[in-house]
Amino acid sequence: MGTSSNWSFGRRVLAMTHERLTGEELPPDNLLFHDDVYDFGWNGVRSQASSPDNFDDSVLPTPDFAVYLINAVKFHCGGLFYLYDEDSFMNRMSRFHENPSEYSQRFPLWYVQYLLLLAFGKAFATPAVKSHWPAGIELFTQAMKVMPDLTFFDADPLELIQVLCCKALYLQCLNRRSPAHRTIGNALRLALENGLHTEMYSPLLDVDYVRKCQIMWWNIYILERQMSSLQGIPAGIPEGCISTPFPPMAGSALKIQVHLSQILSKIDQTVYGAEGKIGSRYLEATRSVLRDIAGVAEQVNSAFNIQTKKAFKGISRVAAHIHLLQHQCIIMSTRPLLYIFLQAKLDRADNQLMRWLQSESITGLLNICVESSQQIIRILWCLLDQGLLETFLPFDLDAAFSSTIAILMSKATHSSLVQDHAHWIDRAYTVISEMSSRGSVIAGMIKGELKHVDSNLQQLLSGGDESVGLTGDVFQESGCSDEAPVEDSQGDFESGMFNSSDLQYELSAEQLISVADALDMDSLAWMDSHDAV
């Protein structure tokens, strides 16, 4: 798996610290693999009993409960993804309930989409239970059992694309990353076959149809780019091959998600590269990425400002998702430095590397990595306080993992990188524990992995010779001198609360550009022979 992957990065850190601590490689049993989380109770082989002709309504909710579940999907996903056309879908759902058996046989693909959306809705709306399966997984399994063979099934391409998007996202929620990526890849190729990536200018095409195709394309694009980044593999289509515009009246959320997804792909291609090594090109690639993030940051802070001074102390789910994604882009582009520095400290690196670590441009990169990690924890804490923390969609957990491991590594690299380290880690663990208590088995496993990294680092560094580490206060000089001091927020930690005023630390476009412009492009030429994540 490519090295831009959160999954891969975390396991490299865990493997490195385990090997330094024990002198042995990390056993595979200590790693969380995607097939180890949930057992569907079905091996994928369809039987005659699961044929669409043999309608089984035993898993279906009552009509009024079904409406409630679909509305839950609208709340959790409607502002971010285009999983269904609301007006058309609700009309068809009414007709389905008039004669479910007949309707499901006449429109089997719509019935699959219905089951998938109900599975999402039940996972969102049903209180956590002590179970090894998320609520609604029986609906997803039933959808897979009655899914038509798409090799021969003659379906409307847009309807099929939406079904594939629903399936891919649900698999991603279950930590089935590889099947999810393959599924969204199928949706992407189907979209390419039907020209959704093009301008689609033709007098023969209905305006509403073209608009729907445009929305559908960018929905696929966002999901595919983000899933590819999580896998650490190249995107499915080059940017230069895409000419479709945004649909008329497209909201800011769609455009910003697309821009951030473009940046994710660029990070994988340029910051990490094909071989997952860092050399003289790293700083140039990182500077370019930070400038791109700065351009999006202006849009984010304008359309989704979370530094509100109003009496209502809250943050919307859409705004939170976009800010979390932006900060993950910053962390992904700068965390290779943390890996190098931790590796250098454990390996007793030479003076040349130590001098480079102390340069002003590098401290600037490290500080924005830490500040983005802290901002993620602030946002997640506000969502927790509002009861809006996601436990089924994977994005909050991905953000929590990225930020927590970055802070753990920052503390291990040098204590001055993170003020009041224990409070930040406490809050991060509390957020992940809340996800686990509300039914996320994956969150519990992720917390265990982070605790393992934390324990390894403490054991390695508690008795180590400080002379082999990064001594002094060289990291206290920030490349973001306009930032409010991190320690100013500690009173809120001690009171056990965060509120909207804590979100004032949002990095501005000017600060990101300042850090990017301060980078010394020639300072890393000697690193071409060094490995990094």
Protein backbone atom coordinates (compact mmCIF):
# COMPACT_ATOMS: atom_id res chain seq x y z
CA MET A 1 0.00 0.00 0.00
CA GLY A 2 1.31 3.43 -0.91
CA THR A 3 2.75 5.62 1.76
CA SER A 4 0.18 8.44 1.64
CA SER A 5 -2.21 5.99 3.30
CA ASN A 6 -3.13 6.66 6.93
CA TRP A 7 -3.34 2.90 7.41
CA SER A 8 0.17 2.38 6.06
CA PHE A 9 1.67 5.36 7.90
CA GLY A 10 0.36 4.25 11.28
CA ARG A 11 1.64 0.74 10.83
CA ARG A 12 5.07 1.94 9.72
CA VAL A 13 5.37 3.98 12.90
CA LEU A 14 4.14 1.06 15.00
CA ALA A 15 6.48 -1.38 13.25
CA MET A 16 9.48 0.95 13.59
CA THR A 17 8.96 1.58 17.31
CA HIS A 18 8.26 -2.10 17.99
CA GLU A 19 11.43 -3.20 16.19
CA ARG A 20 13.58 -0.63 18.05
CA LEU A 21 12.05 -1.69 21.33
CA THR A 22 12.20 -5.48 20.94
CA GLY A 23 14.69 -6.06 18.17
CA GLU A 24 12.05 -8.09 16.34
CA GLU A 25 9.59 -7.40 13.55
CA LEU A 26 6.01 -6.57 14.50
CA PRO A 27 3.85 -9.73 14.33
CA PRO A 28 0.94 -9.57 11.83
CA ASP A 29 -1.46 -10.29 14.70
CA ASN A 30 -0.83 -6.76 15.97
CA LEU A 31 -2.13 -5.16 12.78
CA LEU A 32 -5.70 -4.26 11.87
CA PHE A 33 -6.50 -5.61 8.42
CA HIS A 34 -9.67 -4.69 6.59
CA ASP A 35 -11.19 -8.18 6.62
CA ASP A 36 -10.76 -8.63 10.37
CA VAL A 37 -13.47 -6.27 11.63
CA TYR A 38 -16.96 -7.48 10.71
CA ASP A 39 -18.28 -10.90 9.76
CA PHE A 40 -21.19 -10.55 7.36
CA GLY A 41 -22.39 -14.09 7.96
CA TRP A 42 -22.43 -14.54 4.19
CA ASN A 43 -19.64 -15.72 1.88
CA GLY A 44 -20.85 -13.93 -1.24
CA VAL A 45 -22.32 -17.01 -2.94
CA ARG A 46 -25.90 -16.38 -4.04
CA SER A 47 -28.47 -19.13 -3.62
CA GLN A 48 -31.82 -19.59 -5.28
CA ALA A 49 -33.45 -18.39 -2.06
CA SER A 50 -31.75 -15.00 -2.44
CA SER A 51 -33.01 -14.48 -5.99
CA PRO A 52 -34.97 -11.24 -6.56
CA ASP A 53 -37.88 -13.46 -7.57
CA ASN A 54 -38.05 -14.75 -3.98
CA PHE A 55 -38.94 -11.54 -2.21
CA ASP A 56 -38.01 -11.50 1.49
CA ASP A 57 -39.55 -8.67 3.53
CA SER A 58 -38.35 -9.94 6.90
CA VAL A 59 -35.53 -7.39 7.08
CA LEU A 60 -37.59 -4.41 5.90
CA PRO A 61 -38.73 -1.67 8.30
CA THR A 62 -42.29 -0.35 8.39
CA PRO A 63 -43.04 2.44 5.90
CA ASP A 64 -42.99 5.22 8.50
CA PHE A 65 -39.73 3.97 9.97
CA ALA A 66 -38.28 3.73 6.44
CA VAL A 67 -39.04 7.42 5.87
CA TYR A 68 -37.31 8.23 9.17
CA LEU A 69 -34.22 6.24 8.13
CA ILE A 70 -34.01 7.91 4.72
CA ASN A 71 -34.21 11.30 6.43
CA ALA A 72 -31.31 10.24 8.65
CA VAL A 73 -29.29 9.52 5.51
CA LYS A 74 -30.21 12.96 4.19
CA PHE A 75 -28.94 14.62 7.38
CA HIS A 76 -25.67 12.71 7.58
CA CYS A 77 -24.80 12.49 3.88
CA GLY A 78 -26.99 14.93 1.96
CA GLY A 79 -24.65 17.90 2.28
CA LEU A 80 -21.60 15.89 1.22
CA PHE A 81 -22.58 13.15 -1.24
CA TYR A 82 -25.17 12.60 -3.95
CA LEU A 83 -26.37 9.10 -3.07
CA TYR A 84 -29.94 9.48 -4.33
CA ASP A 85 -32.24 11.95 -6.05
CA GLU A 86 -34.62 12.88 -3.25
CA ASP A 87 -37.81 13.74 -5.16
CA SER A 88 -37.62 10.79 -7.53
CA PHE A 89 -36.56 8.34 -4.82
CA MET A 90 -39.31 9.30 -2.35
CA ASN A 91 -41.96 9.03 -5.07
CA ARG A 92 -40.75 5.57 -5.99
CA MET A 93 -40.59 4.56 -2.34
CA SER A 94 -44.29 5.42 -1.99
CA ARG A 95 -45.11 3.23 -4.98
CA PHE A 96 -42.92 0.44 -3.58
CA HIS A 97 -44.88 0.32 -0.34
CA GLU A 98 -48.13 -0.17 -2.29
CA ASN A 99 -46.88 -3.58 -3.48
CA PRO A 100 -43.32 -4.30 -2.30
CA SER A 101 -42.95 -7.74 -3.85
CA GLU A 102 -44.08 -6.73 -7.31
CA TYR A 103 -42.14 -3.43 -7.32
CA SER A 104 -38.88 -5.05 -6.19
CA GLN A 105 -39.12 -7.56 -9.06
CA ARG A 106 -39.94 -4.91 -11.67
CA PHE A 107 -37.18 -2.56 -10.50
CA PRO A 108 -34.50 -4.73 -8.85
CA LEU A 109 -31.73 -2.12 -9.02
CA TRP A 110 -33.89 0.51 -7.33
CA TYR A 111 -34.70 -2.06 -4.64
CA VAL A 112 -30.97 -2.60 -4.04
CA GLN A 113 -30.50 1.14 -3.65
CA TYR A 114 -33.44 1.23 -1.23
CA LEU A 115 -31.88 -1.49 0.91
CA LEU A 116 -28.49 0.24 0.89
CA LEU A 117 -29.95 3.56 1.99
CA LEU A 118 -31.95 1.84 4.73
CA ALA A 119 -28.73 0.19 5.90
CA PHE A 120 -27.07 3.59 6.13
CA GLY A 121 -30.09 5.08 7.88
CA LYS A 122 -30.28 2.34 10.47
CA ALA A 123 -26.55 2.72 11.23
CA PHE A 124 -27.06 6.47 11.71
CA ALA A 125 -30.34 6.43 13.61
CA THR A 126 -30.33 3.29 15.74
CA PRO A 127 -28.78 3.57 19.22
CA ALA A 128 -25.60 1.59 19.80
CA VAL A 129 -26.03 -1.97 20.97
CA LYS A 130 -23.51 -4.43 22.32
CA SER A 131 -22.89 -6.22 19.05
CA HIS A 132 -20.08 -7.07 16.67
CA TRP A 133 -22.15 -5.77 13.76
CA PRO A 134 -23.37 -2.25 13.00
CA ALA A 135 -27.10 -1.74 12.98
CA GLY A 136 -28.52 -2.33 9.51
CA ILE A 137 -25.84 -4.67 8.24
CA GLU A 138 -28.55 -7.26 7.51
CA LEU A 139 -30.05 -4.80 5.02
CA PHE A 140 -26.70 -4.35 3.29
CA THR A 141 -26.21 -8.12 3.11
CA GLN A 142 -29.68 -8.54 1.64
CA ALA A 143 -28.88 -5.83 -0.95
CA MET A 144 -25.78 -7.74 -2.02
CA LYS A 145 -27.72 -11.00 -2.26
CA VAL A 146 -30.35 -9.55 -4.61
CA MET A 147 -27.96 -7.35 -6.63
CA PRO A 148 -28.43 -8.19 -10.33
CA ASP A 149 -25.47 -9.51 -12.30
CA LEU A 150 -24.28 -6.25 -13.83
CA THR A 151 -22.53 -8.05 -16.70
CA PHE A 152 -25.89 -8.80 -18.28
CA PHE A 153 -28.33 -6.50 -16.49
CA ASP A 154 -29.55 -3.62 -18.68
CA ALA A 155 -29.71 -0.66 -16.30
CA ASP A 156 -29.87 3.10 -16.52
CA PRO A 157 -26.20 4.16 -16.16
CA LEU A 158 -26.90 6.98 -13.71
CA GLU A 159 -29.00 4.75 -11.48
CA LEU A 160 -26.31 2.08 -11.53
CA ILE A 161 -23.60 4.63 -10.71
CA GLN A 162 -25.54 5.81 -7.67
CA VAL A 163 -25.97 2.24 -6.45
CA LEU A 164 -22.24 1.62 -6.84
CA CYS A 165 -21.44 4.82 -4.94
CA CYS A 166 -23.73 3.75 -2.09
CA LYS A 167 -22.14 0.31 -2.01
CA ALA A 168 -18.59 1.72 -2.07
CA LEU A 169 -19.23 4.18 0.74
CA TYR A 170 -20.90 1.54 2.90
CA LEU A 171 -17.96 -0.84 2.40
CA GLN A 172 -15.62 1.99 3.36
CA CYS A 173 -17.61 2.48 6.56
CA LEU A 174 -17.05 -1.22 7.37
CA ASN A 175 -13.29 -0.79 6.88
CA ARG A 176 -13.41 -2.91 3.71
CA ARG A 177 -11.11 -0.50 1.92
CA SER A 178 -10.04 -2.67 -1.01
CA PRO A 179 -13.56 -3.80 -2.03
CA ALA A 180 -14.74 -0.20 -1.56
CA HIS A 181 -12.01 1.08 -3.85
CA ARG A 182 -12.75 -1.54 -6.49
CA THR A 183 -16.45 -0.65 -6.36
CA ILE A 184 -15.92 3.09 -6.75
CA GLY A 185 -13.50 2.24 -9.56
CA ASN A 186 -16.33 0.43 -11.34
CA ALA A 187 -18.53 3.50 -10.90
CA LEU A 188 -15.76 5.70 -12.29
CA ARG A 189 -15.27 3.53 -15.37
CA LEU A 190 -19.01 3.43 -16.02
CA ALA A 191 -19.07 7.23 -15.79
CA LEU A 192 -16.17 7.48 -18.24
CA GLU A 193 -17.94 5.15 -20.69
CA ASN A 194 -20.94 7.47 -20.65
CA GLY A 195 -18.93 10.68 -21.00
CA LEU A 196 -19.70 12.16 -17.59
CA HIS A 197 -16.14 13.54 -17.41
CA THR A 198 -16.71 15.66 -20.53
CA GLU A 199 -18.57 18.93 -21.08
CA MET A 200 -21.56 17.09 -22.62
CA TYR A 201 -22.52 20.02 -24.83
CA SER A 202 -25.17 18.80 -27.27
CA PRO A 203 -28.61 20.06 -28.33
CA LEU A 204 -29.79 16.46 -28.00
CA LEU A 205 -29.14 16.36 -24.27
CA ASP A 206 -31.70 17.63 -21.80
CA VAL A 207 -30.42 20.41 -19.52
CA ASP A 208 -31.63 18.67 -16.35
CA TYR A 209 -30.01 15.43 -17.48
CA VAL A 210 -26.67 17.17 -18.05
CA ARG A 211 -26.88 18.83 -14.65
CA LYS A 212 -27.55 15.47 -13.00
CA CYS A 213 -24.57 13.98 -14.84
CA GLN A 214 -22.36 16.81 -13.61
CA ILE A 215 -23.42 16.31 -10.00
CA MET A 216 -22.95 12.57 -10.39
CA TRP A 217 -19.47 12.97 -11.85
CA TRP A 218 -18.15 15.17 -9.06
CA ASN A 219 -19.69 12.86 -6.46
CA ILE A 220 -17.77 9.92 -7.98
CA TYR A 221 -14.66 12.07 -8.23
CA ILE A 222 -14.68 13.00 -4.53
CA LEU A 223 -15.26 9.43 -3.38
CA GLU A 224 -12.68 7.95 -5.76
CA ARG A 225 -9.97 10.48 -4.93
CA GLN A 226 -10.46 10.09 -1.19
CA MET A 227 -10.59 6.29 -1.31
CA SER A 228 -7.47 6.21 -3.50
CA SER A 229 -5.67 8.44 -1.01
CA LEU A 230 -6.67 6.16 1.88
CA GLN A 231 -5.28 3.23 -0.11
CA GLY A 232 -2.19 5.21 -1.09
CA ILE A 233 -2.58 4.36 -4.78
CA PRO A 234 -2.81 6.56 -7.91
CA ALA A 235 -6.10 8.15 -8.86
CA GLY A 236 -8.21 6.48 -11.52
CA ILE A 237 -8.17 9.33 -14.06
CA PRO A 238 -5.65 12.16 -14.64
CA GLU A 239 -6.85 15.70 -13.99
CA GLY A 240 -6.10 16.69 -17.58
CA CYS A 241 -8.73 14.29 -18.90
CA ILE A 242 -11.58 15.97 -17.00
CA SER A 243 -13.46 18.80 -18.68
CA THR A 244 -16.92 18.65 -17.11
CA PRO A 245 -17.82 21.90 -15.33
CA PHE A 246 -19.49 22.26 -11.99
CA PRO A 247 -23.27 22.17 -12.28
CA PRO A 248 -25.12 25.51 -12.25
CA MET A 249 -25.85 26.71 -8.71
CA ALA A 250 -23.37 24.20 -7.28
CA GLY A 251 -22.85 24.81 -3.59
CA SER A 252 -19.57 25.76 -1.98
CA ALA A 253 -19.35 22.39 -0.22
CA LEU A 254 -19.17 20.51 -3.53
CA LYS A 255 -16.53 22.80 -5.05
CA ILE A 256 -14.33 22.85 -1.95
CA GLN A 257 -14.51 19.07 -1.56
CA VAL A 258 -13.42 18.70 -5.18
CA HIS A 259 -10.49 21.09 -4.70
CA LEU A 260 -9.36 19.32 -1.53
CA SER A 261 -9.71 15.95 -3.26
CA GLN A 262 -7.48 17.27 -6.05
CA ILE A 263 -4.91 18.20 -3.41
CA LEU A 264 -5.08 14.72 -1.87
CA SER A 265 -4.23 13.23 -5.24
CA LYS A 266 -1.40 15.72 -5.73
CA ILE A 267 0.04 14.86 -2.31
CA ASP A 268 0.13 11.17 -3.22
CA GLN A 269 1.77 11.84 -6.59
CA THR A 270 4.30 14.52 -5.64
CA VAL A 271 4.95 14.65 -1.89
CA TYR A 272 5.26 10.88 -1.52
CA GLY A 273 5.96 9.76 -5.06
CA ALA A 274 5.83 6.35 -6.65
CA GLU A 275 8.48 4.77 -4.41
CA GLY A 276 7.46 6.35 -1.12
CA LYS A 277 10.84 8.02 -0.65
CA ILE A 278 11.71 11.60 0.19
CA GLY A 279 14.61 13.42 -1.36
CA SER A 280 15.44 16.80 -2.79
CA ARG A 281 12.02 17.05 -4.47
CA TYR A 282 10.13 16.88 -1.16
CA LEU A 283 10.34 20.55 -0.16
CA GLU A 284 9.41 21.74 -3.64
CA ALA A 285 6.40 19.42 -3.74
CA THR A 286 5.34 20.43 -0.23
CA ARG A 287 5.62 24.13 -1.04
CA SER A 288 3.39 23.65 -4.08
CA VAL A 289 0.82 21.69 -2.05
CA LEU A 290 0.76 24.28 0.76
CA ARG A 291 0.12 27.03 -1.78
CA ASP A 292 -2.77 24.99 -3.17
CA ILE A 293 -4.17 24.48 0.33
CA ALA A 294 -3.82 28.22 0.97
CA GLY A 295 -5.96 28.92 -2.09
CA VAL A 296 -8.68 26.60 -0.82
CA ALA A 297 -8.34 27.93 2.74
CA GLU A 298 -9.63 31.31 1.59
CA GLN A 299 -12.76 29.63 0.21
CA VAL A 300 -13.18 27.46 3.31
CA ASN A 301 -12.86 30.34 5.77
CA SER A 302 -15.22 32.46 3.70
CA ALA A 303 -17.98 29.88 3.11
CA PHE A 304 -17.61 27.81 6.30
CA ASN A 305 -16.20 30.10 8.95
CA ILE A 306 -16.08 28.24 12.27
CA GLN A 307 -14.55 31.13 14.22
CA THR A 308 -17.99 32.43 15.12
CA LYS A 309 -18.51 34.87 17.97
CA LYS A 310 -22.26 34.26 18.16
CA ALA A 311 -23.95 33.12 21.33
CA PHE A 312 -24.77 29.77 19.73
CA LYS A 313 -21.61 27.74 20.17
CA GLY A 314 -21.82 25.11 17.49
CA ILE A 315 -20.43 23.90 14.20
CA SER A 316 -22.32 22.32 11.33
CA ARG A 317 -21.51 18.83 10.12
CA VAL A 318 -20.68 20.03 6.60
CA ALA A 319 -18.37 22.78 7.87
CA ALA A 320 -16.66 20.34 10.23
CA HIS A 321 -16.13 17.77 7.47
CA ILE A 322 -14.53 20.32 5.16
CA HIS A 323 -12.25 21.79 7.83
CA LEU A 324 -11.18 18.31 8.94
CA LEU A 325 -10.34 17.36 5.35
CA GLN A 326 -8.32 20.55 4.86
CA HIS A 327 -6.26 19.93 8.00
CA GLN A 328 -5.67 16.31 7.02
CA CYS A 329 -4.17 17.58 3.76
CA ILE A 330 -1.75 19.70 5.79
CA ILE A 331 -0.85 16.79 8.07
CA MET A 332 -0.35 14.38 5.17
CA SER A 333 2.03 16.76 3.41
CA THR A 334 4.14 17.48 6.52
CA ARG A 335 4.10 14.27 8.58
CA PRO A 336 6.93 12.63 6.58
CA LEU A 337 9.20 15.03 8.45
CA LEU A 338 7.96 13.66 11.77
CA TYR A 339 8.81 10.14 10.60
CA ILE A 340 12.31 11.19 9.53
CA PHE A 341 12.90 13.01 12.82
CA LEU A 342 11.64 10.14 14.94
CA GLN A 343 13.75 7.72 12.93
CA ALA A 344 16.74 10.04 13.33
CA LYS A 345 16.28 10.23 17.07
CA LEU A 346 16.01 6.47 17.45
CA ASP A 347 18.95 5.83 15.11
CA ARG A 348 21.21 8.53 16.63
CA ALA A 349 21.45 10.48 13.38
CA ASP A 350 24.49 12.45 12.30
CA ASN A 351 25.05 16.18 12.87
CA GLN A 352 24.16 17.10 9.30
CA LEU A 353 20.62 15.84 9.76
CA MET A 354 20.38 17.51 13.18
CA ARG A 355 21.36 20.87 11.71
CA TRP A 356 18.76 20.50 8.99
CA LEU A 357 16.11 19.68 11.56
CA GLN A 358 16.83 22.97 13.31
CA SER A 359 16.35 25.16 10.23
CA GLU A 360 13.66 27.80 10.34
CA SER A 361 11.78 26.46 7.32
CA ILE A 362 11.54 22.98 8.84
CA THR A 363 10.27 24.28 12.18
CA GLY A 364 7.57 26.10 10.23
CA LEU A 365 6.42 22.87 8.59
CA LEU A 366 6.46 21.02 11.90
CA ASN A 367 4.43 23.70 13.63
CA ILE A 368 1.66 23.78 11.03
CA CYS A 369 1.50 19.98 11.25
CA VAL A 370 1.02 20.21 15.02
CA GLU A 371 -1.40 23.13 14.77
CA SER A 372 -3.56 21.31 12.23
CA SER A 373 -3.56 18.23 14.46
CA GLN A 374 -4.69 20.31 17.42
CA GLN A 375 -7.36 22.02 15.36
CA ILE A 376 -8.75 18.64 14.31
CA ILE A 377 -9.06 17.64 17.96
CA ARG A 378 -10.80 20.94 18.77
CA ILE A 379 -13.32 20.41 15.98
CA LEU A 380 -13.97 16.79 16.95
CA TRP A 381 -14.42 17.83 20.57
CA CYS A 382 -17.00 20.44 19.55
CA LEU A 383 -18.85 17.79 17.53
CA LEU A 384 -18.74 15.46 20.52
CA ASP A 385 -20.15 18.17 22.73
CA GLN A 386 -23.01 18.74 20.25
CA GLY A 387 -23.74 15.05 19.80
CA LEU A 388 -22.73 15.24 16.12
CA LEU A 389 -19.69 12.99 16.18
CA GLU A 390 -19.87 10.42 13.36
CA THR A 391 -19.46 6.82 14.42
CA PHE A 392 -20.38 5.06 11.18
CA LEU A 393 -19.03 7.26 8.39
CA PRO A 394 -15.24 6.87 8.61
CA PHE A 395 -14.14 10.47 8.17
CA ASP A 396 -14.11 11.64 11.80
CA LEU A 397 -12.20 8.53 12.86
CA ASP A 398 -9.67 9.02 10.05
CA ALA A 399 -9.14 12.61 11.19
CA ALA A 400 -8.79 11.54 14.83
CA PHE A 401 -6.20 8.93 13.91
CA SER A 402 -4.17 11.32 11.72
CA SER A 403 -4.06 14.04 14.34
CA THR A 404 -3.38 11.77 17.31
CA ILE A 405 -0.45 9.92 15.79
CA ALA A 406 1.06 13.22 14.62
CA ILE A 407 0.88 14.63 18.17
CA LEU A 408 2.34 11.43 19.64
CA MET A 409 5.26 11.62 17.23
CA SER A 410 5.72 15.34 17.80
CA LYS A 411 5.97 14.84 21.53
CA ALA A 412 8.47 12.02 21.05
CA THR A 413 10.54 14.09 18.63
CA HIS A 414 10.81 17.03 20.99
CA SER A 415 8.61 18.14 23.87
CA SER A 416 8.56 21.81 22.80
CA LEU A 417 6.61 20.91 19.64
CA VAL A 418 3.43 20.28 21.64
CA GLN A 419 2.41 22.32 24.67
CA ASP A 420 0.54 20.30 27.31
CA HIS A 421 0.77 17.11 25.31
CA ALA A 422 -1.19 14.98 27.79
CA HIS A 423 -4.34 17.12 27.50
CA TRP A 424 -4.41 16.88 23.70
CA ILE A 425 -3.95 13.11 23.75
CA ASP A 426 -6.57 12.77 26.49
CA ARG A 427 -9.11 14.63 24.36
CA ALA A 428 -8.26 12.56 21.31
CA TYR A 429 -8.68 9.29 23.22
CA THR A 430 -11.96 10.54 24.66
CA VAL A 431 -13.29 11.26 21.16
CA ILE A 432 -12.27 7.83 19.88
CA SER A 433 -13.66 6.13 23.00
CA GLU A 434 -17.00 7.84 22.38
CA MET A 435 -17.06 6.41 18.87
CA SER A 436 -16.27 2.98 20.28
CA SER A 437 -18.96 3.20 22.96
CA ARG A 438 -21.52 4.05 20.29
CA GLY A 439 -20.88 0.83 18.42
CA SER A 440 -17.78 1.41 16.28
CA VAL A 441 -15.67 -1.73 16.59
CA ILE A 442 -13.09 -0.10 14.30
CA ALA A 443 -12.69 2.85 16.69
CA GLY A 444 -11.84 0.50 19.55
CA MET A 445 -9.18 -1.19 17.43
CA ILE A 446 -7.75 2.15 16.30
CA LYS A 447 -7.52 3.34 19.89
CA GLY A 448 -5.70 0.16 20.84
CA GLU A 449 -3.22 0.71 18.03
CA LEU A 450 -2.60 4.33 19.07
CA LYS A 451 -2.13 3.24 22.67
CA HIS A 452 0.40 0.68 21.45
CA VAL A 453 2.35 3.40 19.58
CA ASP A 454 2.11 5.68 22.64
CA SER A 455 3.43 2.96 24.94
CA ASN A 456 6.29 2.09 22.59
CA LEU A 457 7.36 5.71 22.30
CA GLN A 458 7.26 6.25 26.05
CA GLN A 459 9.37 3.15 26.67
CA LEU A 460 11.87 4.09 23.98
CA LEU A 461 12.31 7.69 25.04
CA SER A 462 11.92 7.59 28.81
CA GLY A 463 15.30 5.96 29.37
CA GLY A 464 17.05 7.23 26.28
CA ASP A 465 20.14 9.39 26.12
CA GLU A 466 18.91 12.93 25.48
CA SER A 467 22.10 13.74 23.61
CA VAL A 468 20.99 11.53 20.72
CA GLY A 469 17.69 13.33 20.43
CA LEU A 470 16.72 16.84 19.37
CA THR A 471 18.02 18.97 22.19
CA GLY A 472 17.23 22.52 23.15
CA ASP A 473 14.24 24.63 22.23
CA VAL A 474 14.85 24.84 18.52
CA PHE A 475 11.24 23.97 17.72
CA GLN A 476 9.67 26.74 19.76
CA GLU A 477 10.32 29.20 16.95
CA SER A 478 7.20 28.98 14.83
CA GLY A 479 6.96 29.45 11.12
CA CYS A 480 3.47 30.86 11.85
CA SER A 481 4.36 33.77 14.04
CA ASP A 482 0.89 35.27 13.73
CA GLU A 483 -0.72 32.26 15.38
CA ALA A 484 -2.14 32.59 18.86
CA PRO A 485 -0.02 30.64 21.35
CA VAL A 486 -1.22 27.09 21.74
CA GLU A 487 -0.99 27.22 25.50
CA ASP A 488 -3.70 29.90 25.67
CA SER A 489 -6.33 27.22 25.21
CA GLN A 490 -5.28 25.06 28.12
CA GLY A 491 -7.78 26.59 30.48
CA ASP A 492 -10.51 25.12 28.34
CA PHE A 493 -8.91 21.71 28.57
CA GLU A 494 -8.76 21.90 32.34
CA SER A 495 -12.38 22.96 32.55
CA GLY A 496 -13.24 19.93 30.44
CA MET A 497 -14.88 21.95 27.69
CA PHE A 498 -14.27 23.33 24.23
CA ASN A 499 -16.49 25.88 22.53
CA SER A 500 -16.56 27.85 19.31
CA SER A 501 -14.11 30.43 20.59
CA ASP A 502 -11.45 27.70 20.72
CA LEU A 503 -11.63 27.44 16.93
CA GLN A 504 -9.96 30.85 16.51
CA TYR A 505 -6.66 29.10 15.74
CA GLU A 506 -7.65 28.29 12.16
CA LEU A 507 -4.63 28.70 9.88
CA SER A 508 -5.05 31.50 7.36
CA ALA A 509 -4.04 31.43 3.72
CA GLU A 510 -1.39 34.06 4.43
CA GLN A 511 0.23 31.93 7.12
CA LEU A 512 0.34 28.86 4.88
CA ILE A 513 1.91 30.86 2.04
CA SER A 514 4.43 32.35 4.48
CA VAL A 515 5.56 28.87 5.53
CA ALA A 516 5.68 27.71 1.90
CA ASP A 517 7.76 30.69 0.77
CA ALA A 518 10.22 30.22 3.64
CA LEU A 519 11.27 26.74 2.48
CA ASP A 520 14.90 26.37 1.38
CA MET A 521 14.73 24.32 -1.81
CA ASP A 522 18.41 23.34 -1.75
CA SER A 523 18.60 22.16 1.85
CA LEU A 524 17.47 18.58 1.22
CA ALA A 525 19.60 17.50 -1.75
CA TRP A 526 21.75 15.27 0.47
CA MET A 527 18.66 13.35 1.62
CA ASP A 528 18.10 11.61 -1.74
CA SER A 529 19.52 8.38 -0.35
CA HIS A 530 17.32 8.36 2.78
CA ASP A 531 14.06 6.39 3.02
CA ALA A 532 10.92 7.98 4.41
CA VAL A 533 7.22 7.38 4.49
